[in-house]
Protein backbone atom coordinates (compact mmCIF):
# COMPACT_ATOMS: atom_id res chain seq x y z
CA UNK A 1 41.33 -37.58 -52.95
CA UNK A 2 39.25 -40.59 -51.85
CA UNK A 3 35.93 -40.19 -51.47
CA UNK A 4 33.70 -43.04 -49.77
CA UNK A 5 29.62 -43.12 -50.27
CA UNK A 6 28.10 -45.67 -47.56
CA UNK A 7 24.96 -47.93 -48.50
CA UNK A 8 22.63 -45.78 -46.23
CA UNK A 9 23.82 -42.84 -47.68
CA UNK A 10 23.02 -43.74 -51.34
CA UNK A 11 19.85 -45.88 -50.61
CA UNK A 12 16.54 -44.98 -49.48
CA UNK A 13 14.63 -47.28 -47.00
CA UNK A 14 13.52 -49.69 -49.56
CA UNK A 15 17.03 -49.89 -50.42
CA UNK A 16 16.06 -48.45 -53.79
CA UNK A 17 19.25 -45.80 -55.08
CA UNK A 18 18.13 -42.33 -54.02
CA UNK A 19 18.21 -40.49 -57.42
CA UNK A 20 18.11 -36.80 -55.25
CA UNK A 21 21.26 -37.60 -53.49
CA UNK A 22 23.23 -39.59 -56.20
CA UNK A 23 22.72 -36.20 -58.20
CA UNK A 24 24.13 -34.38 -55.08
CA UNK A 25 27.18 -36.58 -54.48
CA UNK A 26 27.74 -36.64 -58.81
CA UNK A 27 27.94 -32.80 -58.48
CA UNK A 28 29.99 -32.47 -55.74
CA UNK A 29 32.41 -34.85 -56.88
CA UNK A 30 32.34 -33.12 -60.31
CA UNK A 31 33.38 -30.06 -58.84
CA UNK A 32 36.37 -31.39 -56.58
CA UNK A 33 37.64 -33.27 -59.79
CA UNK A 34 38.54 -29.62 -60.88
CA UNK A 35 41.21 -29.65 -57.92
CA UNK A 36 41.82 -33.23 -57.25
CA UNK A 37 42.33 -36.27 -58.76
CA UNK A 38 39.31 -38.53 -57.35
CA UNK A 39 38.62 -41.84 -56.69
CA UNK A 40 35.16 -42.81 -55.74
CA UNK A 41 34.54 -45.76 -53.49
CA UNK A 42 30.78 -46.24 -53.46
CA UNK A 43 28.27 -49.02 -51.69
CA UNK A 44 25.01 -49.73 -53.18
CA UNK A 45 25.57 -52.50 -55.54
CA UNK A 46 23.55 -54.97 -52.64
CA UNK A 47 21.06 -52.91 -52.13
CA UNK A 48 20.45 -52.02 -55.64
CA UNK A 49 20.41 -55.95 -56.75
CA UNK A 50 18.62 -57.05 -53.56
CA UNK A 51 14.77 -56.23 -54.56
CA UNK A 52 15.29 -58.48 -57.60
CA UNK A 53 15.63 -61.63 -55.81
CA UNK A 54 13.00 -63.31 -54.19
CA UNK A 55 12.61 -64.03 -50.32
CA UNK A 56 16.22 -62.13 -49.69
CA UNK A 57 17.49 -62.70 -46.25
CA UNK A 58 20.68 -61.23 -46.55
CA UNK A 59 22.91 -64.41 -46.57
CA UNK A 60 26.33 -64.53 -47.83
CA UNK A 61 25.17 -65.86 -51.26
CA UNK A 62 21.93 -63.87 -51.49
CA UNK A 63 24.43 -60.80 -51.00
CA UNK A 64 26.83 -62.29 -53.58
CA UNK A 65 24.07 -62.76 -56.38
CA UNK A 66 22.30 -58.88 -55.18
CA UNK A 67 25.90 -57.62 -56.02
CA UNK A 68 25.95 -59.10 -59.54
CA UNK A 69 22.65 -57.78 -60.13
CA UNK A 70 23.65 -54.04 -58.54
CA UNK A 71 27.05 -53.48 -59.61
CA UNK A 72 25.83 -52.88 -63.49
CA UNK A 73 23.02 -50.59 -62.36
CA UNK A 74 24.81 -48.79 -60.35
CA UNK A 75 27.63 -47.86 -62.49
CA UNK A 76 25.09 -47.43 -65.23
CA UNK A 77 23.15 -44.62 -63.04
CA UNK A 78 26.72 -43.12 -62.26
CA UNK A 79 27.73 -43.02 -65.60
CA UNK A 80 24.28 -41.30 -66.95
CA UNK A 81 24.55 -38.59 -64.55
CA UNK A 82 28.36 -38.01 -64.65
CA UNK A 83 27.95 -37.76 -68.46
CA UNK A 84 26.05 -34.75 -67.76
CA UNK A 85 29.58 -33.29 -66.71
CA UNK A 86 31.44 -34.47 -69.51
CA UNK A 87 32.76 -36.98 -66.90
CA UNK A 88 33.61 -40.56 -68.12
CA UNK A 89 33.37 -43.28 -65.53
CA UNK A 90 35.54 -46.44 -65.27
CA UNK A 91 34.48 -49.18 -62.69
CA UNK A 92 37.09 -51.41 -60.67
CA UNK A 93 35.90 -54.23 -58.71
CA UNK A 94 38.86 -55.10 -56.32
CA UNK A 95 39.33 -58.17 -54.31
CA UNK A 96 41.44 -58.08 -50.77
CA UNK A 97 44.35 -60.37 -52.56
CA UNK A 98 44.89 -57.31 -55.04
CA UNK A 99 46.11 -55.16 -52.12
CA UNK A 100 48.13 -58.10 -50.64
CA UNK A 101 50.11 -59.15 -53.46
CA UNK A 102 52.41 -56.52 -54.23
CA UNK A 103 52.83 -56.92 -58.12
CA UNK A 104 49.17 -56.58 -58.51
CA UNK A 105 48.96 -54.04 -56.07
CA UNK A 106 51.15 -51.95 -58.61
CA UNK A 107 49.23 -53.17 -61.51
CA UNK A 108 46.12 -51.51 -60.06
CA UNK A 109 47.89 -48.06 -59.32
CA UNK A 110 49.01 -47.94 -63.00
CA UNK A 111 45.79 -48.73 -64.46
CA UNK A 112 43.95 -46.04 -62.25
CA UNK A 113 47.00 -43.82 -62.95
CA UNK A 114 46.29 -43.99 -66.71
CA UNK A 115 42.69 -43.46 -66.38
CA UNK A 116 43.54 -40.11 -64.39
CA UNK A 117 45.67 -39.23 -67.50
CA UNK A 118 42.54 -39.46 -69.86
CA UNK A 119 40.50 -37.80 -67.29
CA UNK A 120 37.85 -40.94 -66.05
CA UNK A 121 36.64 -41.30 -62.85
CA UNK A 122 37.52 -44.54 -61.44
CA UNK A 123 34.50 -45.87 -59.60
CA UNK A 124 35.67 -48.75 -57.01
CA UNK A 125 33.63 -51.45 -55.08
CA UNK A 126 34.47 -54.92 -53.88
CA UNK A 127 34.20 -58.12 -56.21
CA UNK A 128 31.69 -59.53 -53.81
CA UNK A 129 30.77 -62.23 -56.62
CA UNK A 130 33.95 -64.05 -56.13
CA UNK A 131 35.53 -62.40 -52.82
CA UNK A 132 36.19 -65.48 -50.55
CA UNK A 133 34.42 -65.19 -47.03
CA UNK A 134 37.52 -65.46 -45.36
CA UNK A 135 39.86 -62.70 -47.37
CA UNK A 136 37.50 -60.68 -48.21
CA UNK A 137 37.11 -56.63 -47.01
CA UNK A 138 35.56 -56.04 -43.73
CA UNK A 139 34.00 -53.25 -45.48
CA UNK A 140 34.33 -50.65 -48.20
CA UNK A 141 35.46 -48.35 -45.00
CA UNK A 142 39.02 -50.68 -45.52
CA UNK A 143 38.91 -50.87 -49.36
CA UNK A 144 39.10 -46.96 -49.34
CA UNK A 145 41.48 -46.57 -46.77
CA UNK A 146 43.83 -49.24 -48.63
CA UNK A 147 43.27 -47.25 -51.75
CA UNK A 148 44.04 -44.21 -50.08
CA UNK A 149 47.02 -45.58 -48.71
CA UNK A 150 48.15 -46.82 -52.04
CA UNK A 151 47.86 -43.39 -53.82
CA UNK A 152 49.33 -41.15 -51.13
CA UNK A 153 45.85 -39.42 -50.66
CA UNK A 154 46.02 -36.00 -49.42
CA UNK A 155 42.49 -36.32 -47.80
CA UNK A 156 39.66 -39.06 -47.75
CA UNK A 157 36.48 -38.27 -47.02
CA UNK A 158 34.23 -40.81 -45.61
CA UNK A 159 30.59 -39.51 -46.64
CA UNK A 160 28.17 -41.38 -43.99
CA UNK A 161 24.18 -40.84 -42.57
CA UNK A 162 25.40 -40.00 -39.21
CA UNK A 163 26.94 -36.59 -40.44
CA UNK A 164 30.38 -36.92 -38.23
CA UNK A 165 31.81 -38.22 -35.50
CA UNK A 166 28.83 -37.13 -32.67
CA UNK A 167 29.28 -36.75 -28.74
CA UNK A 168 27.17 -37.98 -26.13
CA UNK A 169 24.82 -35.11 -26.68
CA UNK A 170 24.60 -36.10 -30.15
CA UNK A 171 26.45 -33.17 -31.26
CA UNK A 172 29.13 -33.33 -34.15
CA UNK A 173 32.93 -32.92 -32.93
CA UNK A 174 34.11 -30.69 -35.66
CA UNK A 175 37.71 -31.84 -35.20
CA UNK A 176 39.42 -34.95 -33.61
CA UNK A 177 43.32 -34.79 -33.25
CA UNK A 178 44.12 -38.35 -32.14
CA UNK A 179 41.79 -41.37 -31.89
CA UNK A 180 42.58 -42.23 -28.11
CA UNK A 181 40.71 -43.05 -25.34
CA UNK A 182 39.12 -39.85 -24.98
CA UNK A 183 37.56 -39.73 -28.52
CA UNK A 184 36.79 -44.00 -28.13
CA UNK A 185 34.46 -42.98 -25.22
CA UNK A 186 32.06 -41.30 -27.32
CA UNK A 187 32.02 -44.45 -29.70
CA UNK A 188 28.56 -45.98 -30.25
CA UNK A 189 27.81 -49.29 -31.64
CA UNK A 190 25.87 -50.53 -34.51
CA UNK A 191 25.80 -50.30 -38.38
CA UNK A 192 23.37 -48.22 -40.52
CA UNK A 193 20.39 -50.38 -42.15
CA UNK A 194 22.10 -51.11 -45.55
CA UNK A 195 25.94 -51.20 -44.05
CA UNK A 196 27.94 -53.31 -43.20
CA UNK A 197 30.70 -51.13 -41.00
CA UNK A 198 29.63 -49.28 -38.52
CA UNK A 199 31.25 -46.15 -36.47
CA UNK A 200 33.67 -48.48 -35.17
CA UNK A 201 35.19 -49.77 -38.93
CA UNK A 202 35.39 -46.12 -39.82
CA UNK A 203 37.43 -45.10 -37.00
CA UNK A 204 39.42 -48.29 -37.19
CA UNK A 205 40.33 -47.69 -40.84
CA UNK A 206 40.40 -43.57 -39.73
CA UNK A 207 43.16 -44.13 -37.49
CA UNK A 208 45.15 -46.18 -39.84
CA UNK A 209 45.08 -43.41 -42.65
CA UNK A 210 45.82 -40.42 -40.20
CA UNK A 211 48.90 -42.72 -39.33
CA UNK A 212 50.00 -42.37 -42.28
CA UNK A 213 49.64 -39.00 -43.22
CA UNK A 214 46.11 -38.64 -44.57
CA UNK A 215 43.65 -36.39 -43.52
CA UNK A 216 40.36 -38.09 -42.97
CA UNK A 217 36.90 -36.13 -42.99
CA UNK A 218 33.59 -37.69 -41.96
CA UNK A 219 30.33 -35.74 -43.51
CA UNK A 220 27.21 -35.92 -44.62
CA UNK A 221 25.51 -34.95 -47.99
CA UNK A 222 22.61 -32.86 -47.28
CA UNK A 223 24.10 -29.66 -46.80
CA UNK A 224 25.32 -27.48 -49.83
CA UNK A 225 28.97 -27.77 -51.08
CA UNK A 226 29.01 -30.75 -48.26
CA UNK A 227 32.34 -32.12 -49.44
CA UNK A 228 34.16 -28.86 -49.95
CA UNK A 229 33.13 -27.27 -46.52
CA UNK A 230 34.31 -30.80 -45.15
CA UNK A 231 37.60 -30.30 -46.41
CA UNK A 232 37.47 -26.90 -45.09
CA UNK A 233 36.31 -27.93 -41.43
CA UNK A 234 33.47 -26.06 -41.39
CA UNK A 235 30.83 -29.17 -41.38
CA UNK A 236 31.18 -32.77 -40.45
CA UNK A 237 34.71 -33.70 -38.57
CA UNK A 238 37.85 -33.55 -39.36
CA UNK A 239 40.77 -36.26 -38.33
CA UNK A 240 44.34 -34.47 -38.30
CA UNK A 241 46.56 -36.60 -40.43
CA UNK A 242 49.94 -37.30 -38.35
CA UNK A 243 53.91 -36.96 -40.41
CA UNK A 244 54.63 -40.22 -41.78
CA UNK A 245 57.95 -41.02 -43.04
CA UNK A 246 57.60 -44.45 -44.37
CA UNK A 247 58.25 -45.20 -47.61
CA UNK A 248 55.68 -46.80 -50.22
CA UNK A 249 56.65 -50.29 -49.23
CA UNK A 250 55.94 -49.73 -45.98
CA UNK A 251 52.91 -48.22 -45.98
CA UNK A 252 51.81 -51.09 -47.98
CA UNK A 253 52.89 -53.26 -45.61
CA UNK A 254 51.05 -51.53 -43.11
CA UNK A 255 48.00 -51.74 -44.83
CA UNK A 256 47.33 -53.48 -47.78
CA UNK A 257 49.17 -57.10 -46.69
CA UNK A 258 46.85 -59.80 -45.50
CA UNK A 259 48.13 -60.79 -41.81
CA UNK A 260 48.20 -64.74 -41.40
CA UNK A 261 49.36 -65.16 -38.07
CA UNK A 262 50.27 -63.07 -35.13
CA UNK A 263 52.76 -63.01 -32.05
CA UNK A 264 53.09 -61.64 -28.67
CA UNK A 265 56.24 -59.30 -27.76
CA UNK A 266 57.40 -58.25 -24.49
CA UNK A 267 57.88 -54.65 -23.53
CA UNK A 268 61.59 -54.59 -24.46
CA UNK A 269 60.83 -55.83 -27.68
CA UNK A 270 58.04 -53.41 -27.86
CA UNK A 271 60.52 -50.60 -27.14
CA UNK A 272 63.27 -51.45 -29.47
CA UNK A 273 60.92 -51.65 -32.19
CA UNK A 274 59.75 -48.22 -31.29
CA UNK A 275 63.64 -47.11 -31.93
CA UNK A 276 63.16 -48.79 -35.07
CA UNK A 277 65.74 -51.79 -34.16
CA UNK A 278 64.87 -55.24 -35.45
CA UNK A 279 62.68 -57.81 -33.59
CA UNK A 280 64.86 -60.58 -31.92
CA UNK A 281 63.22 -64.32 -31.48
CA UNK A 282 63.61 -63.95 -27.80
CA UNK A 283 61.98 -60.84 -27.56
CA UNK A 284 58.40 -63.07 -28.90
CA UNK A 285 56.79 -64.47 -25.81
CA UNK A 286 54.18 -66.38 -27.32
CA UNK A 287 53.09 -67.36 -31.06
CA UNK A 288 49.43 -66.84 -30.97
CA UNK A 289 48.68 -67.82 -34.68
CA UNK A 290 50.88 -69.96 -36.86
CA UNK A 291 52.62 -68.73 -39.96
CA UNK A 292 55.31 -69.32 -42.33
CA UNK A 293 58.57 -67.57 -43.48
CA UNK A 294 57.95 -64.54 -45.06
CA UNK A 295 54.06 -63.96 -44.12
CA UNK A 296 52.98 -60.71 -42.73
CA UNK A 297 52.15 -61.05 -39.16
CA UNK A 298 50.47 -58.90 -36.56
CA UNK A 299 52.90 -57.65 -33.72
CA UNK A 300 50.92 -57.84 -30.33
CA UNK A 301 51.99 -56.02 -27.03
CA UNK A 302 50.06 -57.16 -24.00
CA UNK A 303 49.48 -53.27 -22.50
CA UNK A 304 49.18 -51.49 -26.42
CA UNK A 305 47.87 -54.20 -28.27
CA UNK A 306 48.18 -54.57 -31.99
CA UNK A 307 51.18 -52.04 -32.62
CA UNK A 308 52.32 -53.15 -35.86
CA UNK A 309 52.88 -56.13 -38.74
CA UNK A 310 56.58 -57.46 -39.56
CA UNK A 311 57.16 -59.78 -42.17
CA UNK A 312 58.72 -62.61 -40.52
CA UNK A 313 62.06 -64.40 -41.53
CA UNK A 314 61.24 -67.37 -39.46
CA UNK A 315 58.64 -69.45 -39.35
CA UNK A 316 56.45 -70.06 -36.34
CA UNK A 317 57.52 -73.71 -35.86
CA UNK A 318 61.35 -72.52 -36.30
CA UNK A 319 60.56 -69.80 -33.60
CA UNK A 320 59.20 -71.77 -30.88
CA UNK A 321 62.74 -73.55 -31.01
CA UNK A 322 64.65 -70.00 -31.11
CA UNK A 323 62.84 -67.66 -28.62
CA UNK A 324 65.36 -68.48 -25.53
CA UNK A 325 68.27 -67.99 -28.29
CA UNK A 326 69.96 -64.24 -28.22
CA UNK A 327 70.53 -62.40 -31.11
CA UNK A 328 68.12 -64.66 -33.53
CA UNK A 329 66.30 -62.08 -36.03
CA UNK A 330 62.70 -62.80 -36.38
CA UNK A 331 62.43 -59.84 -38.75
CA UNK A 332 64.17 -57.05 -39.92
CA UNK A 333 63.77 -53.48 -39.22
CA UNK A 334 63.03 -52.34 -42.64
CA UNK A 335 60.02 -55.03 -42.82
CA UNK A 336 58.55 -53.70 -39.73
CA UNK A 337 55.96 -51.17 -39.45
CA UNK A 338 54.85 -49.65 -36.09
CA UNK A 339 51.30 -47.56 -35.97
């Protein structure tokens, strides 16, 4: 199980850690650890550290500095509270490339598995201090999803101040079978005061997680036994997991690899990919962003939008000269994942 705690859940109006909320989170997680192997993805480092910076304005470099101050404060707070339940914690600060490079990705999995063997709870956050501006996680919703996919999680909990996904009347929708046009019609834009994501981000990564076979639950922390009740479907919003037959490497392609380029494909190519065929150069109508051979690119169909990713056999420069040739393979079926 992966549990993601948002900044605005754990911080008060001034950005300070809310000790009462943190204690509830720790109590809930400690209870769930009796039945699940848990990874906790917790925001709150920036909001914890920014009060120590003079004239904080929220610039990128200021956020990095605030994270440098806040990360040890946050992990110390968690460590002290989990100690009351005889639980030891470890901190993992991740960067986007730890998921895009498969060897590093596998090392991350092995390390956390070793911590589980020793009954240690891993608390994960982004390594904001050195994360590249262009290749950082969009937010911790993405980080939590990549962790959930990496470990084939049964369920991912997104703990949010919204308490769940709400309809036009502000009522929480108990369950969502598919994130389609009907569900997206209720989407509101904007983020919470200390968050970087928002509901659009949560739905984006919920869609990815559910497409890869992971149940997603969105809930708050105010109620008693909130996480346990959310898993049972009696509070918050449950997003149904779809059946996934993808192998681990294909799941990694779908979620962990950084997409460098993108190509527009025609309807015929899209239908062929749906039927697990390879992508031929003739089915590519346009290179939208350049890439090298061996890089992972987004596959875009005009009506459907982004429909998947593929590890390309040809560079974009080679591809542009061969799109009219028949039977030239751009990407093998085993290197293609359709969402």
